[in-house]
Protein backbone atom coordinates (compact mmCIF):
# COMPACT_ATOMS: atom_id res chain seq x y z
CA MET A 1 -18.90 14.50 -14.30
CA GLY A 2 -19.37 12.11 -17.29
CA HIS A 3 -22.74 10.23 -17.49
CA SER A 4 -21.92 7.61 -20.10
CA GLN A 5 -23.54 4.12 -19.43
CA GLY A 6 -20.04 2.70 -19.71
CA GLN A 7 -21.80 -0.20 -21.67
CA HIS A 8 -21.17 -1.16 -25.16
CA GLY A 9 -24.57 -1.91 -26.75
CA GLY A 10 -27.74 -3.33 -25.18
CA ALA A 11 -27.34 -6.42 -23.28
CA PRO A 12 -29.43 -9.44 -24.72
CA ALA A 13 -32.56 -10.46 -22.87
CA GLY A 14 -31.59 -12.40 -19.63
CA SER A 15 -28.03 -11.13 -19.51
CA PRO A 16 -26.55 -9.01 -16.83
CA LYS A 17 -26.10 -5.13 -17.67
CA ILE A 18 -22.57 -4.51 -17.18
CA ASP A 19 -21.64 -0.66 -15.94
CA THR A 20 -18.00 0.18 -16.17
CA ARG A 21 -18.40 3.55 -14.47
CA GLU A 22 -16.56 4.56 -11.54
CA ARG A 23 -18.78 5.47 -8.47
CA GLY A 24 -18.03 7.72 -5.64
CA ALA A 25 -19.96 8.81 -2.57
CA PRO A 26 -23.16 10.36 -2.91
CA LYS A 27 -23.12 13.98 -3.51
CA ASP A 28 -26.09 16.35 -2.85
CA GLY A 29 -28.08 13.10 -2.61
CA GLU A 30 -27.15 11.90 -6.07
CA PRO A 31 -24.71 9.35 -6.91
CA GLN A 32 -21.27 10.38 -8.52
CA LEU A 33 -20.73 8.38 -11.53
CA MET A 34 -17.96 8.93 -14.18
CA ASP A 35 -16.84 6.81 -17.12
CA ARG A 36 -13.37 8.56 -16.93
CA ARG A 37 -10.00 7.35 -15.37
CA LEU A 38 -6.15 7.84 -15.69
CA PHE A 39 -3.85 5.38 -17.11
CA MET A 40 -0.23 5.30 -15.84
CA GLN A 41 2.94 3.37 -17.26
CA LEU A 42 6.30 2.96 -15.69
CA LEU A 43 8.95 2.03 -18.33
CA VAL A 44 12.62 1.39 -17.05
CA PHE A 45 15.54 1.40 -19.28
CA GLN A 46 19.57 1.08 -19.30
CA VAL A 47 21.53 3.61 -21.09
CA PRO A 48 24.14 1.87 -23.38
CA THR A 49 27.88 1.67 -21.69
CA GLY A 50 29.91 4.32 -23.04
CA ALA A 51 26.98 6.54 -23.60
CA SER A 52 26.54 9.92 -21.70
CA ILE A 53 23.94 9.31 -19.13
CA ALA A 54 23.38 12.97 -18.62
CA GLY A 55 23.11 13.39 -22.44
CA ASN A 56 20.45 10.73 -22.67
CA GLN A 57 18.56 11.89 -20.13
CA GLU A 58 18.34 15.31 -21.64
CA ALA A 59 17.62 13.89 -25.05
CA LEU A 60 14.63 12.15 -23.37
CA LEU A 61 13.37 15.18 -21.65
CA ALA A 62 13.80 17.19 -24.73
CA ALA A 63 11.53 14.55 -26.67
CA LEU A 64 9.00 14.52 -24.10
CA LYS A 65 8.37 18.17 -24.28
CA GLU A 66 8.59 18.44 -27.91
CA ALA A 67 5.70 15.76 -27.93
CA ASP A 68 4.07 17.45 -24.94
CA ILE A 69 3.64 13.91 -23.17
CA PRO A 70 2.95 14.38 -19.64
CA ALA A 71 5.60 12.58 -17.75
CA VAL A 72 8.15 12.26 -14.77
CA VAL A 73 11.82 10.79 -15.24
CA TYR A 74 13.24 8.82 -12.61
CA ALA A 75 16.85 8.11 -12.21
CA ASP A 76 17.09 4.37 -11.12
CA ALA A 77 18.49 4.32 -7.54
CA ASN A 78 19.44 0.49 -7.96
CA ASP A 79 21.19 0.84 -11.41
CA PRO A 80 23.74 3.56 -12.12
CA ARG A 81 22.85 3.41 -15.87
CA GLY A 82 19.12 3.15 -15.32
CA VAL A 83 16.55 5.71 -16.38
CA ALA A 84 12.67 5.40 -15.91
CA LEU A 85 9.78 6.92 -17.72
CA LEU A 86 6.40 7.58 -15.94
CA THR A 87 3.87 8.46 -18.71
CA PHE A 88 -0.04 8.89 -17.82
CA SER A 89 -3.28 9.93 -19.78
CA GLU A 90 -6.96 9.21 -19.63
CA ASP A 91 -6.42 7.66 -23.47
CA PRO A 92 -3.90 4.79 -23.16
CA ALA A 93 -3.32 5.09 -26.67
CA LEU A 94 -0.75 7.57 -25.63
CA PHE A 95 1.70 4.85 -24.73
CA VAL A 96 1.26 3.23 -28.38
CA ASP A 97 0.83 6.45 -30.50
CA SER A 98 3.24 9.01 -28.62
CA VAL A 99 5.57 7.30 -26.32
CA ARG A 100 6.75 4.39 -28.50
CA PRO A 101 7.91 6.63 -31.36
CA LEU A 102 10.10 8.46 -28.98
CA PHE A 103 12.28 5.43 -29.03
CA GLU A 104 12.62 4.93 -32.78
CA ALA A 105 15.39 7.72 -32.94
CA GLU A 106 18.67 8.08 -31.74
CA PRO A 107 19.94 8.20 -28.89
CA LEU A 108 16.90 6.57 -27.40
CA ARG A 109 16.51 3.67 -29.89
CA ASP A 110 19.63 2.47 -28.18
CA TRP A 111 18.45 2.21 -24.79
CA THR A 112 17.61 -1.46 -23.29
CA LEU A 113 14.21 -1.88 -21.84
CA ARG A 114 13.94 -3.98 -18.61
CA PRO A 115 10.65 -5.59 -19.14
CA GLU A 116 10.52 -7.01 -15.75
CA LEU A 117 10.08 -3.50 -14.22
CA THR A 118 7.29 -2.32 -16.71
CA MET A 119 4.00 -1.41 -14.74
CA ILE A 120 0.88 -0.19 -16.32
CA GLY A 121 -2.43 0.35 -14.36
CA ARG A 122 -5.63 2.79 -14.10
CA THR A 123 -7.04 4.73 -11.38
CA TYR A 124 -10.26 3.19 -9.77
CA SER A 125 -12.86 4.12 -7.27
CA SER A 126 -13.80 2.43 -4.23
CA GLY A 127 -17.24 3.99 -3.61
CA TYR A 128 -16.58 6.22 -0.96
CA GLU A 129 -14.48 9.25 -2.44
CA GLN A 130 -16.07 12.65 -1.84
CA ASP A 131 -14.72 14.19 -5.02
CA LEU A 132 -14.66 11.29 -7.59
CA GLU A 133 -13.22 13.46 -10.44
CA PHE A 134 -10.29 14.69 -8.09
CA TRP A 135 -9.64 11.28 -7.07
CA LEU A 136 -9.37 9.62 -10.16
CA LEU A 137 -7.93 12.39 -12.59
CA ASP A 138 -6.26 15.33 -10.46
CA ARG A 139 -4.90 13.59 -7.61
CA PRO A 140 -2.49 11.24 -9.23
CA ARG A 141 -1.31 13.76 -11.45
CA GLN A 142 -0.42 16.25 -8.67
CA THR A 143 1.16 13.62 -6.63
CA VAL A 144 3.88 12.59 -9.13
CA LEU A 145 4.32 16.08 -10.65
CA ASN A 146 4.89 17.66 -7.08
CA PRO A 147 8.46 19.26 -7.20
CA GLU A 148 8.84 18.60 -3.77
CA TRP A 149 8.31 14.93 -3.83
CA ASN A 150 11.22 13.46 -5.75
CA TRP A 151 11.71 9.97 -4.19
CA ALA A 152 9.35 7.23 -5.50
CA VAL A 153 8.86 3.52 -5.07
CA TRP A 154 6.70 1.70 -7.60
CA TYR A 155 5.52 -2.04 -7.45
CA PRO A 156 2.75 -4.34 -8.39
CA LEU A 157 0.95 -6.86 -6.25
CA ARG A 158 -1.37 -9.62 -6.15
CA ARG A 159 -3.79 -10.70 -3.33
CA THR A 160 -4.85 -14.28 -2.69
CA GLY A 161 -8.27 -15.76 -4.23
CA ALA A 162 -9.05 -16.55 -0.48
CA PHE A 163 -9.43 -12.52 -0.07
CA GLU A 164 -12.04 -12.21 -2.78
CA GLN A 165 -14.06 -14.95 -1.09
CA LEU A 166 -14.29 -13.19 2.33
CA GLU A 167 -17.54 -11.65 3.44
CA GLY A 168 -17.98 -7.93 2.53
CA ARG A 169 -17.88 -6.56 5.91
CA GLU A 170 -14.76 -8.42 6.87
CA LYS A 171 -13.17 -7.60 3.68
CA GLY A 172 -14.03 -3.70 4.45
CA GLY A 173 -12.34 -4.15 7.75
CA ILE A 174 -9.12 -5.28 6.35
CA LEU A 175 -9.09 -2.56 3.86
CA ARG A 176 -9.89 0.18 6.28
CA GLU A 177 -6.96 -0.99 8.53
CA HIS A 178 -4.54 -0.85 5.52
CA ALA A 179 -6.03 2.45 4.52
CA THR A 180 -5.71 4.16 8.06
CA ILE A 181 -1.85 3.54 8.01
CA GLY A 182 -1.44 4.91 4.49
CA ARG A 183 -3.42 8.02 5.32
CA ALA A 184 -1.50 8.61 8.39
CA TYR A 185 1.70 8.89 6.55
CA GLY A 186 0.02 11.06 4.11
CA GLU A 187 -1.14 13.66 6.60
CA GLN A 188 2.23 14.02 8.08
CA ASP A 189 3.92 14.48 4.70
CA LEU A 190 5.90 11.34 4.77
CA ALA A 191 4.38 9.08 2.02
CA HIS A 192 1.95 9.84 -0.55
CA ASP A 193 0.43 6.98 -2.72
CA VAL A 194 -0.95 6.38 -6.06
CA ARG A 195 -3.16 3.31 -6.16
CA LEU A 196 -3.90 1.73 -9.50
CA ALA A 197 -5.47 -1.36 -10.78
CA CYS A 198 -4.03 -3.49 -13.46
CA HIS A 199 -6.27 -6.61 -13.75
CA GLY A 200 -5.69 -8.06 -16.99
CA LEU A 201 -3.00 -5.21 -17.78
CA ASP A 202 -0.17 -6.77 -16.26
CA THR A 203 2.26 -9.30 -17.72
CA ASN A 204 2.54 -11.06 -14.49
CA ASP A 205 -1.15 -11.43 -13.68
CA ASN A 206 -0.90 -8.77 -10.89
CA GLU A 207 -3.95 -6.83 -9.67
CA PHE A 208 -2.70 -3.62 -8.41
CA LEU A 209 0.21 -1.24 -8.97
CA ILE A 210 1.30 0.99 -5.97
CA GLY A 211 3.19 4.17 -6.35
CA LEU A 212 4.79 5.57 -3.08
CA ILE A 213 6.00 9.21 -3.42
CA GLY A 214 7.67 11.60 -0.96
CA THR A 215 10.50 14.19 -0.19
CA GLU A 216 12.60 11.47 1.59
CA LEU A 217 13.24 7.84 0.82
CA HIS A 218 13.34 6.47 4.29
CA PRO A 219 9.65 7.15 5.02
CA LEU A 220 8.55 5.20 1.85
CA SER A 221 10.49 2.27 2.98
CA HIS A 222 9.21 2.77 6.38
CA VAL A 223 5.30 2.72 5.36
CA VAL A 224 6.24 -0.76 3.42
CA GLN A 225 7.44 -2.04 6.57
CA SER A 226 4.46 -1.03 8.40
CA MET A 227 2.02 -2.49 6.23
CA ARG A 228 3.75 -5.91 6.74
CA GLY A 229 1.60 -6.17 10.32
CA THR A 230 -1.81 -5.77 8.65
CA VAL A 231 -4.13 -8.65 8.15
CA GLN A 232 -4.12 -7.77 4.39
CA THR A 233 -0.32 -7.83 3.68
CA SER A 234 0.43 -10.48 6.42
CA GLN A 235 -2.38 -13.15 5.37
CA TYR A 236 -3.77 -11.99 1.99
CA ILE A 237 -0.82 -10.82 -0.22
CA GLN A 238 0.27 -13.58 -2.68
CA GLN A 239 3.04 -11.60 -4.25
CA MET A 240 4.49 -7.92 -4.15
CA GLY A 241 7.29 -6.63 -6.44
CA PRO A 242 9.59 -6.34 -8.05
CA PHE A 243 10.16 -2.83 -6.73
CA PHE A 244 11.58 0.19 -8.73
CA VAL A 245 13.15 2.70 -6.52
CA GLY A 246 13.86 6.04 -8.35
CA ARG A 247 14.30 9.86 -7.97
CA ALA A 248 12.78 12.44 -10.27
CA ILE A 249 15.29 14.24 -12.36
CA GLY A 250 12.72 15.97 -14.71
CA ARG A 251 8.93 16.36 -15.24
CA HIS A 252 6.62 17.54 -17.98
CA ALA A 253 3.07 18.22 -16.90
CA GLY A 254 1.97 17.96 -20.50
CA PRO A 255 -1.36 19.48 -22.17
CA GLN A 256 -3.19 21.72 -19.82
CA LYS A 257 -7.12 21.03 -19.14
């Protein structure tokens, strides 16, 4: 576990000390504290008309392997010429230093980005995680890289300001209702989630990014439908979407730990 203070310089006298570390449940009587997290980014493109979709997809997969970038490539279920790229790293510089250069060479430089579907977020803790490192770093990777779980639905959301004003106990009860439903889908291998925070990262000022991953598409739609009846979704969600729906056509695990 990392034990960095998550602070940049000393706080002036009288100023609050800012601690950006993630916190999990106490383990062996000691708090779990870690200043590491995983960043994930989804980019969605259109392959030019007249170009080979299969050939372009193969070119992207080859470029990812050559650059050793951890990634999942999806075929866009809602766009016959659509391809999406999910990349992830503890260091967000990967998106600028390694992913961007992929699209400077043919044929990828001719692809058209669909910026309305660009999503980026970071893993975060709720304070109750029994294994903080697994939750923040390993579980998201394992979920998106699982070769049996090829369908994915990704979408951002924003809660209303009223939710943040609720008393802590009431807020906790609302979140537990939501989490109980999601956990049931996961335990029955119907839908597995990746939950990311995107405060200050999302173009449209969304707060969270959700990935639903599974073997079949129907349960992913079903869990979204089931959540509509919860207090959180029915009363405190201001905006959801746009939704990206895709099927994984290639993966690269990237550098090994």
